[in-house]
C-alpha atoms as a PDB file:
ATOM      1  CA  UNK A   1     -16.849 -21.794  84.102  1.00  0.00           C
ATOM      2  CA  UNK A   2     -13.452 -21.613  82.359  1.00  0.00           C
ATOM      3  CA  UNK A   3     -12.611 -25.189  83.501  1.00  0.00           C
ATOM      4  CA  UNK A   4     -15.693 -26.794  81.943  1.00  0.00           C
ATOM      5  CA  UNK A   5     -14.081 -27.257  78.519  1.00  0.00           C
ATOM      6  CA  UNK A   6     -10.590 -27.992  77.304  1.00  0.00           C
ATOM      7  CA  UNK A   7      -9.398 -27.780  73.745  1.00  0.00           C
ATOM      8  CA  UNK A   8      -6.255 -29.822  74.345  1.00  0.00           C
ATOM      9  CA  UNK A   9      -7.461 -32.893  76.216  1.00  0.00           C
ATOM     10  CA  UNK A  10      -7.265 -36.378  74.715  1.00  0.00           C
ATOM     11  CA  UNK A  11     -10.851 -36.150  73.450  1.00  0.00           C
ATOM     12  CA  UNK A  12     -10.185 -32.753  71.818  1.00  0.00           C
ATOM     13  CA  UNK A  13      -7.090 -34.068  70.033  1.00  0.00           C
ATOM     14  CA  UNK A  14      -8.940 -37.174  68.881  1.00  0.00           C
ATOM     15  CA  UNK A  15     -11.814 -35.103  67.466  1.00  0.00           C
ATOM     16  CA  UNK A  16      -9.405 -32.816  65.639  1.00  0.00           C
ATOM     17  CA  UNK A  17      -7.471 -35.776  64.232  1.00  0.00           C
ATOM     18  CA  UNK A  18     -10.679 -37.491  63.125  1.00  0.00           C
ATOM     19  CA  UNK A  19     -11.945 -34.349  61.409  1.00  0.00           C
ATOM     20  CA  UNK A  20      -8.621 -33.828  59.633  1.00  0.00           C
ATOM     21  CA  UNK A  21      -8.682 -37.452  58.472  1.00  0.00           C
ATOM     22  CA  UNK A  22     -12.264 -37.132  57.213  1.00  0.00           C
ATOM     23  CA  UNK A  23     -11.387 -33.956  55.297  1.00  0.00           C
ATOM     24  CA  UNK A  24      -8.395 -35.671  53.688  1.00  0.00           C
ATOM     25  CA  UNK A  25     -10.427 -38.741  52.800  1.00  0.00           C
ATOM     26  CA  UNK A  26     -13.141 -36.587  51.231  1.00  0.00           C
ATOM     27  CA  UNK A  27     -10.472 -35.093  48.966  1.00  0.00           C
ATOM     28  CA  UNK A  28      -9.265 -38.552  47.974  1.00  0.00           C
ATOM     29  CA  UNK A  29     -12.866 -39.641  47.250  1.00  0.00           C
ATOM     30  CA  UNK A  30     -13.401 -36.498  45.196  1.00  0.00           C
ATOM     31  CA  UNK A  31     -10.297 -37.269  43.170  1.00  0.00           C
ATOM     32  CA  UNK A  32     -11.394 -40.841  42.604  1.00  0.00           C
ATOM     33  CA  UNK A  33     -14.852 -39.721  41.453  1.00  0.00           C
ATOM     34  CA  UNK A  34     -13.359 -37.052  39.179  1.00  0.00           C
ATOM     35  CA  UNK A  35     -10.968 -39.578  37.614  1.00  0.00           C
ATOM     36  CA  UNK A  36     -13.646 -42.214  37.153  1.00  0.00           C
ATOM     37  CA  UNK A  37     -16.623 -40.170  36.008  1.00  0.00           C
ATOM     38  CA  UNK A  38     -15.524 -36.761  34.759  1.00  0.00           C
ATOM     39  CA  UNK A  39     -12.036 -36.881  33.353  1.00  0.00           C
ATOM     40  CA  UNK A  40     -11.032 -38.386  30.024  1.00  0.00           C
ATOM     41  CA  UNK A  41      -7.390 -38.310  31.056  1.00  0.00           C
ATOM     42  CA  UNK A  42      -6.887 -38.592  34.831  1.00  0.00           C
ATOM     43  CA  UNK A  43      -4.684 -35.964  36.416  1.00  0.00           C
ATOM     44  CA  UNK A  44      -1.521 -36.958  38.240  1.00  0.00           C
ATOM     45  CA  UNK A  45      -1.733 -36.709  42.064  1.00  0.00           C
ATOM     46  CA  UNK A  46       0.507 -33.614  42.076  1.00  0.00           C
ATOM     47  CA  UNK A  47      -1.939 -31.743  39.884  1.00  0.00           C
ATOM     48  CA  UNK A  48      -4.841 -33.000  42.001  1.00  0.00           C
ATOM     49  CA  UNK A  49      -3.332 -31.591  45.177  1.00  0.00           C
ATOM     50  CA  UNK A  50      -2.464 -28.295  43.516  1.00  0.00           C
ATOM     51  CA  UNK A  51      -5.703 -27.825  41.589  1.00  0.00           C
ATOM     52  CA  UNK A  52      -8.692 -30.143  41.785  1.00  0.00           C
ATOM     53  CA  UNK A  53     -11.977 -29.315  40.056  1.00  0.00           C
ATOM     54  CA  UNK A  54     -10.801 -25.696  39.705  1.00  0.00           C
ATOM     55  CA  UNK A  55     -10.177 -25.427  43.458  1.00  0.00           C
ATOM     56  CA  UNK A  56      -6.773 -25.052  44.997  1.00  0.00           C
ATOM     57  CA  UNK A  57      -6.841 -28.124  47.246  1.00  0.00           C
ATOM     58  CA  UNK A  58      -3.442 -27.555  48.824  1.00  0.00           C
ATOM     59  CA  UNK A  59      -4.173 -23.907  49.562  1.00  0.00           C
ATOM     60  CA  UNK A  60      -7.566 -24.765  51.038  1.00  0.00           C
ATOM     61  CA  UNK A  61      -6.044 -27.401  53.310  1.00  0.00           C
ATOM     62  CA  UNK A  62      -3.203 -25.072  54.329  1.00  0.00           C
ATOM     63  CA  UNK A  63      -5.531 -22.161  55.068  1.00  0.00           C
ATOM     64  CA  UNK A  64      -7.998 -24.342  57.002  1.00  0.00           C
ATOM     65  CA  UNK A  65      -5.139 -25.594  59.184  1.00  0.00           C
ATOM     66  CA  UNK A  66      -3.796 -22.076  59.632  1.00  0.00           C
ATOM     67  CA  UNK A  67      -7.210 -20.629  60.504  1.00  0.00           C
ATOM     68  CA  UNK A  68      -7.926 -23.481  62.926  1.00  0.00           C
ATOM     69  CA  UNK A  69      -4.576 -23.031  64.680  1.00  0.00           C
ATOM     70  CA  UNK A  70      -5.021 -19.278  64.963  1.00  0.00           C
ATOM     71  CA  UNK A  71      -8.608 -19.693  66.234  1.00  0.00           C
ATOM     72  CA  UNK A  72      -7.416 -22.094  68.924  1.00  0.00           C
ATOM     73  CA  UNK A  73      -4.661 -19.676  70.011  1.00  0.00           C
ATOM     74  CA  UNK A  74      -7.111 -16.750  70.074  1.00  0.00           C
ATOM     75  CA  UNK A  75      -9.609 -18.816  72.074  1.00  0.00           C
ATOM     76  CA  UNK A  76      -6.996 -19.739  74.671  1.00  0.00           C
ATOM     77  CA  UNK A  77      -5.776 -16.139  74.987  1.00  0.00           C
ATOM     78  CA  UNK A  78      -9.270 -14.649  75.224  1.00  0.00           C
ATOM     79  CA  UNK A  79     -10.387 -17.244  77.758  1.00  0.00           C
ATOM     80  CA  UNK A  80      -7.539 -16.126  80.042  1.00  0.00           C
ATOM     81  CA  UNK A  81      -8.726 -12.493  79.809  1.00  0.00           C
ATOM     82  CA  UNK A  82     -12.450 -13.204  80.192  1.00  0.00           C
ATOM     83  CA  UNK A  83     -14.539 -15.490  82.380  1.00  0.00           C
ATOM     84  CA  UNK A  84     -15.410 -17.896  79.565  1.00  0.00           C
ATOM     85  CA  UNK A  85     -14.155 -21.264  78.426  1.00  0.00           C
ATOM     86  CA  UNK A  86     -11.822 -21.552  75.437  1.00  0.00           C
ATOM     87  CA  UNK A  87     -14.506 -23.622  73.692  1.00  0.00           C
ATOM     88  CA  UNK A  88     -16.924 -20.684  73.823  1.00  0.00           C
ATOM     89  CA  UNK A  89     -14.310 -18.378  72.329  1.00  0.00           C
ATOM     90  CA  UNK A  90     -13.404 -20.957  69.684  1.00  0.00           C
ATOM     91  CA  UNK A  91     -17.075 -21.237  68.700  1.00  0.00           C
ATOM     92  CA  UNK A  92     -17.403 -17.444  68.468  1.00  0.00           C
ATOM     93  CA  UNK A  93     -14.195 -17.200  66.401  1.00  0.00           C
ATOM     94  CA  UNK A  94     -15.305 -19.963  64.031  1.00  0.00           C
ATOM     95  CA  UNK A  95     -18.731 -18.382  63.514  1.00  0.00           C
ATOM     96  CA  UNK A  96     -17.115 -15.041  62.695  1.00  0.00           C
ATOM     97  CA  UNK A  97     -14.506 -16.749  60.541  1.00  0.00           C
ATOM     98  CA  UNK A  98     -16.998 -18.740  58.461  1.00  0.00           C
ATOM     99  CA  UNK A  99     -19.188 -15.692  57.841  1.00  0.00           C
ATOM    100  CA  UNK A 100     -17.379 -12.349  57.892  1.00  0.00           C
ATOM    101  CA  UNK A 101     -13.946 -13.925  57.579  1.00  0.00           C
ATOM    102  CA  UNK A 102     -14.760 -15.704  54.337  1.00  0.00           C
ATOM    103  CA  UNK A 103     -16.182 -12.493  52.856  1.00  0.00           C
ATOM    104  CA  UNK A 104     -13.102 -10.531  53.919  1.00  0.00           C
ATOM    105  CA  UNK A 105     -10.722 -13.206  52.570  1.00  0.00           C
ATOM    106  CA  UNK A 106     -12.606 -13.290  49.261  1.00  0.00           C
ATOM    107  CA  UNK A 107     -12.437  -9.500  48.980  1.00  0.00           C
ATOM    108  CA  UNK A 108      -8.707  -9.377  49.767  1.00  0.00           C
ATOM    109  CA  UNK A 109      -7.973 -12.189  47.290  1.00  0.00           C
ATOM    110  CA  UNK A 110      -9.916 -10.377  44.558  1.00  0.00           C
ATOM    111  CA  UNK A 111      -8.031  -7.151  45.286  1.00  0.00           C
ATOM    112  CA  UNK A 112      -4.711  -9.012  45.141  1.00  0.00           C
ATOM    113  CA  UNK A 113      -5.638 -10.694  41.864  1.00  0.00           C
ATOM    114  CA  UNK A 114      -6.773  -7.381  40.354  1.00  0.00           C
ATOM    115  CA  UNK A 115      -3.398  -5.849  41.221  1.00  0.00           C
ATOM    116  CA  UNK A 116      -1.581  -8.962  39.929  1.00  0.00           C
ATOM    117  CA  UNK A 117      -3.387  -8.794  36.558  1.00  0.00           C
ATOM    118  CA  UNK A 118      -2.817  -5.044  36.287  1.00  0.00           C
ATOM    119  CA  UNK A 119       0.890  -5.374  37.118  1.00  0.00           C
ATOM    120  CA  UNK A 120       1.246  -8.585  35.075  1.00  0.00           C
ATOM    121  CA  UNK A 121       2.471 -10.595  38.053  1.00  0.00           C
ATOM    122  CA  UNK A 122       1.651 -13.946  36.497  1.00  0.00           C
ATOM    123  CA  UNK A 123       2.836 -15.969  39.501  1.00  0.00           C
ATOM    124  CA  UNK A 124      -0.020 -14.417  41.524  1.00  0.00           C
ATOM    125  CA  UNK A 125      -2.762 -15.447  39.088  1.00  0.00           C
ATOM    126  CA  UNK A 126      -4.598 -17.775  41.413  1.00  0.00           C
ATOM    127  CA  UNK A 127      -4.732 -21.438  40.356  1.00  0.00           C
ATOM    128  CA  UNK A 128      -2.368 -21.038  37.383  1.00  0.00           C
ATOM    129  CA  UNK A 129       0.639 -23.259  37.994  1.00  0.00           C
ATOM    130  CA  UNK A 130       1.734 -24.333  34.546  1.00  0.00           C
ATOM    131  CA  UNK A 131       4.720 -22.867  32.747  1.00  0.00           C
ATOM    132  CA  UNK A 132       3.524 -21.415  29.434  1.00  0.00           C
ATOM    133  CA  UNK A 133       6.355 -22.827  27.336  1.00  0.00           C
ATOM    134  CA  UNK A 134       6.883 -26.276  28.831  1.00  0.00           C
ATOM    135  CA  UNK A 135       3.412 -26.921  30.280  1.00  0.00           C
ATOM    136  CA  UNK A 136       5.134 -28.290  33.391  1.00  0.00           C
ATOM    137  CA  UNK A 137       3.941 -27.473  36.900  1.00  0.00           C
ATOM    138  CA  UNK A 138       5.613 -24.329  38.217  1.00  0.00           C
ATOM    139  CA  UNK A 139       6.039 -25.034  41.930  1.00  0.00           C
ATOM    140  CA  UNK A 140       7.471 -21.551  42.503  1.00  0.00           C
ATOM    141  CA  UNK A 141       4.172 -19.956  41.395  1.00  0.00           C
ATOM    142  CA  UNK A 142       2.285 -22.394  43.630  1.00  0.00           C
ATOM    143  CA  UNK A 143       4.516 -21.508  46.615  1.00  0.00           C
ATOM    144  CA  UNK A 144       4.078 -17.763  46.031  1.00  0.00           C
ATOM    145  CA  UNK A 145       0.310 -18.198  45.872  1.00  0.00           C
ATOM    146  CA  UNK A 146       0.330 -20.384  48.998  1.00  0.00           C
ATOM    147  CA  UNK A 147       2.275 -17.788  50.977  1.00  0.00           C
ATOM    148  CA  UNK A 148       0.144 -14.843  49.824  1.00  0.00           C
ATOM    149  CA  UNK A 149      -3.070 -16.764  50.567  1.00  0.00           C
ATOM    150  CA  UNK A 150      -1.688 -17.665  53.989  1.00  0.00           C
ATOM    151  CA  UNK A 151      -0.982 -13.994  54.641  1.00  0.00           C
ATOM    152  CA  UNK A 152      -4.534 -13.074  53.638  1.00  0.00           C
ATOM    153  CA  UNK A 153      -5.951 -15.723  56.023  1.00  0.00           C
ATOM    154  CA  UNK A 154      -3.671 -14.584  58.855  1.00  0.00           C
ATOM    155  CA  UNK A 155      -4.653 -10.946  58.288  1.00  0.00           C
ATOM    156  CA  UNK A 156      -8.349 -11.795  58.421  1.00  0.00           C
ATOM    157  CA  UNK A 157      -7.912 -13.980  61.502  1.00  0.00           C
ATOM    158  CA  UNK A 158      -6.026 -11.209  63.289  1.00  0.00           C
ATOM    159  CA  UNK A 159      -8.788  -8.667  62.666  1.00  0.00           C
END
């Protein structure tokens, strides 16, 4: 049974590449639609990839890639311990991740933001990347938020 599915064959890699491309293209189409129909002054691409329509595009892409990679690794490890294919374990992991995992990630992010606001850690205020004085993008705040969000995703995936 364990040999009936492979995650790393040519077909598996092609599907993953196609899905990644479709996700990226959907972001580009979203940006184009926002610039054409919603925005008076179009945002530069840097701002789009950091924050688009009040969503952290770069963090979402990073965490999706991180969660996918961890789910594949977990599926391969569990399939070696059990008599099941890695595809079955990947499916189980993704179902748990997209239900309970999202709830747990949301809860941990809200807890982190509550602590950040209480302690006045402005670099952890999610989605806020502009320097107050210069109005320029603060890439350090973005990087800190990216790392902390990645840690939240990794913690949830490991549970």
